[in-house]
């Protein structure tokens, strides 16, 4: 039996004032750099 509940995904005024946390910097971290190219492998992906 499922529980009756309302899920509200609309941001509150407080959340709107805090702004968005940018987590994209993890996409640019380099764990294993190539010995010749470094971290920029020159691969562009549409997205």
PDB file of N, CA and C in Angstrom:
ATOM      1  N   UNK A   1       0.847  -1.173   0.000  1.00  0.00           N
ATOM      2  CA  UNK A   1       0.000   0.000   0.000  1.00  0.00           C
ATOM      3  C   UNK A   1       0.895   1.239   0.000  1.00  0.00           C
ATOM      4  N   UNK A   2       0.630   2.146  -0.913  1.00  0.00           N
ATOM      5  CA  UNK A   2       1.455   3.349  -0.985  1.00  0.00           C
ATOM      6  C   UNK A   2       0.902   4.428  -0.067  1.00  0.00           C
ATOM      7  N   UNK A   3       1.777   5.270   0.342  1.00  0.00           N
ATOM      8  CA  UNK A   3       1.422   6.356   1.240  1.00  0.00           C
ATOM      9  C   UNK A   3       0.941   7.546   0.414  1.00  0.00           C
ATOM     10  N   UNK A   4      -0.153   8.164   0.798  1.00  0.00           N
ATOM     11  CA  UNK A   4      -0.646   9.343   0.088  1.00  0.00           C
ATOM     12  C   UNK A   4       0.170  10.547   0.513  1.00  0.00           C
ATOM     13  N   UNK A   5       0.839  11.153  -0.457  1.00  0.00           N
ATOM     14  CA  UNK A   5       1.618  12.344  -0.138  1.00  0.00           C
ATOM     15  C   UNK A   5       1.721  13.225  -1.374  1.00  0.00           C
ATOM     16  N   UNK A   6       2.020  14.462  -1.141  1.00  0.00           N
ATOM     17  CA  UNK A   6       2.177  15.430  -2.222  1.00  0.00           C
ATOM     18  C   UNK A   6       3.653  15.772  -2.323  1.00  0.00           C
ATOM     19  N   UNK A   7       4.202  15.646  -3.525  1.00  0.00           N
ATOM     20  CA  UNK A   7       5.594  16.021  -3.753  1.00  0.00           C
ATOM     21  C   UNK A   7       5.614  17.331  -4.523  1.00  0.00           C
ATOM     22  N   UNK A   8       6.165  18.347  -3.908  1.00  0.00           N
ATOM     23  CA  UNK A   8       6.205  19.668  -4.508  1.00  0.00           C
ATOM     24  C   UNK A   8       7.621  19.928  -5.010  1.00  0.00           C
ATOM     25  N   UNK A   9       7.775  20.049  -6.325  1.00  0.00           N
ATOM     26  CA  UNK A   9       9.093  20.276  -6.910  1.00  0.00           C
ATOM     27  C   UNK A   9       9.296  21.734  -7.323  1.00  0.00           C
ATOM     28  N   UNK A  10       8.424  22.602  -6.870  1.00  0.00           N
ATOM     29  CA  UNK A  10       8.545  24.024  -7.171  1.00  0.00           C
ATOM     30  C   UNK A  10       9.444  24.639  -6.112  1.00  0.00           C
ATOM     31  N   UNK A  11      10.452  25.397  -6.563  1.00  0.00           N
ATOM     32  CA  UNK A  11      11.387  25.977  -5.603  1.00  0.00           C
ATOM     33  C   UNK A  11      10.713  27.062  -4.773  1.00  0.00           C
ATOM     34  N   UNK A  12      11.138  27.155  -3.530  1.00  0.00           N
ATOM     35  CA  UNK A  12      10.600  28.163  -2.625  1.00  0.00           C
ATOM     36  C   UNK A  12      11.337  29.481  -2.847  1.00  0.00           C
ATOM     37  N   UNK A  13      10.848  30.528  -2.217  1.00  0.00           N
ATOM     38  CA  UNK A  13      11.513  31.832  -2.317  1.00  0.00           C
ATOM     39  C   UNK A  13      12.936  31.748  -1.766  1.00  0.00           C
ATOM     40  N   UNK A  14      13.115  31.016  -0.677  1.00  0.00           N
ATOM     41  CA  UNK A  14      14.442  30.874  -0.073  1.00  0.00           C
ATOM     42  C   UNK A  14      15.391  30.165  -1.032  1.00  0.00           C
ATOM     43  N   UNK A  15      14.923  29.087  -1.655  1.00  0.00           N
ATOM     44  CA  UNK A  15      15.759  28.364  -2.614  1.00  0.00           C
ATOM     45  C   UNK A  15      16.098  29.241  -3.814  1.00  0.00           C
ATOM     46  N   UNK A  16      15.157  30.037  -4.268  1.00  0.00           N
ATOM     47  CA  UNK A  16      15.382  30.923  -5.406  1.00  0.00           C
ATOM     48  C   UNK A  16      16.435  31.980  -5.063  1.00  0.00           C
ATOM     49  N   UNK A  17      16.400  32.503  -3.839  1.00  0.00           N
ATOM     50  CA  UNK A  17      17.364  33.519  -3.421  1.00  0.00           C
ATOM     51  C   UNK A  17      18.761  32.937  -3.257  1.00  0.00           C
ATOM     52  N   UNK A  18      18.855  31.665  -2.840  1.00  0.00           N
ATOM     53  CA  UNK A  18      20.164  31.032  -2.664  1.00  0.00           C
ATOM     54  C   UNK A  18      20.855  30.813  -3.997  1.00  0.00           C
ATOM     55  N   UNK A  19      20.083  30.591  -5.036  1.00  0.00           N
ATOM     56  CA  UNK A  19      20.661  30.411  -6.359  1.00  0.00           C
ATOM     57  C   UNK A  19      21.002  28.966  -6.659  1.00  0.00           C
ATOM     58  N   UNK A  20      21.626  28.772  -7.793  1.00  0.00           N
ATOM     59  CA  UNK A  20      21.959  27.446  -8.302  1.00  0.00           C
ATOM     60  C   UNK A  20      23.409  27.115  -7.974  1.00  0.00           C
ATOM     61  N   UNK A  21      23.662  25.913  -7.511  1.00  0.00           N
ATOM     62  CA  UNK A  21      25.024  25.458  -7.242  1.00  0.00           C
ATOM     63  C   UNK A  21      25.572  24.838  -8.518  1.00  0.00           C
ATOM     64  N   UNK A  22      26.659  25.396  -9.018  1.00  0.00           N
ATOM     65  CA  UNK A  22      27.254  24.904 -10.257  1.00  0.00           C
ATOM     66  C   UNK A  22      28.152  23.715  -9.945  1.00  0.00           C
ATOM     67  N   UNK A  23      27.772  22.545 -10.420  1.00  0.00           N
ATOM     68  CA  UNK A  23      28.549  21.333 -10.157  1.00  0.00           C
ATOM     69  C   UNK A  23      29.313  20.873 -11.388  1.00  0.00           C
ATOM     70  N   UNK A  24      29.345  21.699 -12.433  1.00  0.00           N
ATOM     71  CA  UNK A  24      29.985  21.289 -13.680  1.00  0.00           C
ATOM     72  C   UNK A  24      31.501  21.260 -13.592  1.00  0.00           C
ATOM     73  N   UNK A  25      32.098  21.866 -12.564  1.00  0.00           N
ATOM     74  CA  UNK A  25      33.562  21.895 -12.488  1.00  0.00           C
ATOM     75  C   UNK A  25      34.149  20.488 -12.404  1.00  0.00           C
ATOM     76  N   UNK A  26      33.357  19.518 -11.906  1.00  0.00           N
ATOM     77  CA  UNK A  26      33.842  18.134 -11.853  1.00  0.00           C
ATOM     78  C   UNK A  26      34.055  17.565 -13.248  1.00  0.00           C
ATOM     79  N   UNK A  27      33.337  18.099 -14.239  1.00  0.00           N
ATOM     80  CA  UNK A  27      33.487  17.612 -15.610  1.00  0.00           C
ATOM     81  C   UNK A  27      34.854  17.960 -16.189  1.00  0.00           C
ATOM     82  N   UNK A  28      35.519  18.949 -15.627  1.00  0.00           N
ATOM     83  CA  UNK A  28      36.777  19.416 -16.187  1.00  0.00           C
ATOM     84  C   UNK A  28      37.990  18.951 -15.393  1.00  0.00           C
ATOM     85  N   UNK A  29      37.762  18.155 -14.349  1.00  0.00           N
ATOM     86  CA  UNK A  29      38.883  17.624 -13.584  1.00  0.00           C
ATOM     87  C   UNK A  29      39.536  16.493 -14.367  1.00  0.00           C
ATOM     88  N   UNK A  30      40.832  16.345 -14.201  1.00  0.00           N
ATOM     89  CA  UNK A  30      41.572  15.355 -14.973  1.00  0.00           C
ATOM     90  C   UNK A  30      42.241  14.376 -14.013  1.00  0.00           C
ATOM     91  N   UNK A  31      41.819  13.106 -14.059  1.00  0.00           N
ATOM     92  CA  UNK A  31      42.402  12.096 -13.178  1.00  0.00           C
ATOM     93  C   UNK A  31      43.677  11.507 -13.763  1.00  0.00           C
ATOM     94  N   UNK A  32      43.652  11.194 -15.040  1.00  0.00           N
ATOM     95  CA  UNK A  32      44.797  10.560 -15.698  1.00  0.00           C
ATOM     96  C   UNK A  32      45.185  11.349 -16.945  1.00  0.00           C
ATOM     97  N   UNK A  33      45.994  12.395 -16.797  1.00  0.00           N
ATOM     98  CA  UNK A  33      46.353  13.183 -17.976  1.00  0.00           C
ATOM     99  C   UNK A  33      47.207  12.383 -18.956  1.00  0.00           C
ATOM    100  N   UNK A  34      46.967  12.600 -20.235  1.00  0.00           N
ATOM    101  CA  UNK A  34      47.767  11.977 -21.280  1.00  0.00           C
ATOM    102  C   UNK A  34      49.152  12.604 -21.255  1.00  0.00           C
ATOM    103  N   UNK A  35      50.199  11.810 -21.453  1.00  0.00           N
ATOM    104  CA  UNK A  35      51.565  12.345 -21.351  1.00  0.00           C
ATOM    105  C   UNK A  35      51.867  13.368 -22.440  1.00  0.00           C
ATOM    106  N   UNK A  36      51.185  13.301 -23.589  1.00  0.00           N
ATOM    107  CA  UNK A  36      51.429  14.254 -24.673  1.00  0.00           C
ATOM    108  C   UNK A  36      50.399  15.377 -24.723  1.00  0.00           C
ATOM    109  N   UNK A  37      49.156  15.059 -24.424  1.00  0.00           N
ATOM    110  CA  UNK A  37      48.088  16.042 -24.563  1.00  0.00           C
ATOM    111  C   UNK A  37      47.682  16.688 -23.246  1.00  0.00           C
ATOM    112  N   UNK A  38      48.080  16.132 -22.140  1.00  0.00           N
ATOM    113  CA  UNK A  38      47.645  16.665 -20.851  1.00  0.00           C
ATOM    114  C   UNK A  38      46.204  16.285 -20.591  1.00  0.00           C
ATOM    115  N   UNK A  39      45.432  17.230 -20.071  1.00  0.00           N
ATOM    116  CA  UNK A  39      44.032  16.939 -19.758  1.00  0.00           C
ATOM    117  C   UNK A  39      43.092  17.258 -20.912  1.00  0.00           C
ATOM    118  N   UNK A  40      43.512  18.102 -21.837  1.00  0.00           N
ATOM    119  CA  UNK A  40      42.656  18.459 -22.965  1.00  0.00           C
ATOM    120  C   UNK A  40      42.944  17.511 -24.113  1.00  0.00           C
ATOM    121  N   UNK A  41      42.078  16.517 -24.283  1.00  0.00           N
ATOM    122  CA  UNK A  41      42.292  15.528 -25.334  1.00  0.00           C
ATOM    123  C   UNK A  41      41.776  15.997 -26.682  1.00  0.00           C
ATOM    124  N   UNK A  42      41.185  17.190 -26.731  1.00  0.00           N
ATOM    125  CA  UNK A  42      40.702  17.731 -27.990  1.00  0.00           C
ATOM    126  C   UNK A  42      39.471  17.031 -28.511  1.00  0.00           C
ATOM    127  N   UNK A  43      38.723  16.383 -27.635  1.00  0.00           N
ATOM    128  CA  UNK A  43      37.517  15.667 -28.045  1.00  0.00           C
ATOM    129  C   UNK A  43      36.316  16.544 -27.715  1.00  0.00           C
ATOM    130  N   UNK A  44      35.571  16.934 -28.735  1.00  0.00           N
ATOM    131  CA  UNK A  44      34.370  17.742 -28.541  1.00  0.00           C
ATOM    132  C   UNK A  44      33.149  16.876 -28.792  1.00  0.00           C
ATOM    133  N   UNK A  45      32.215  16.911 -27.855  1.00  0.00           N
ATOM    134  CA  UNK A  45      31.003  16.114 -27.973  1.00  0.00           C
ATOM    135  C   UNK A  45      29.816  17.061 -27.929  1.00  0.00           C
ATOM    136  N   UNK A  46      28.943  16.942 -28.903  1.00  0.00           N
ATOM    137  CA  UNK A  46      27.741  17.773 -28.907  1.00  0.00           C
ATOM    138  C   UNK A  46      26.834  17.333 -27.774  1.00  0.00           C
ATOM    139  N   UNK A  47      26.254  18.282 -27.117  1.00  0.00           N
ATOM    140  CA  UNK A  47      25.375  17.857 -26.043  1.00  0.00           C
ATOM    141  C   UNK A  47      24.721  18.985 -25.426  1.00  0.00           C
TER     142      UNK A  47
END
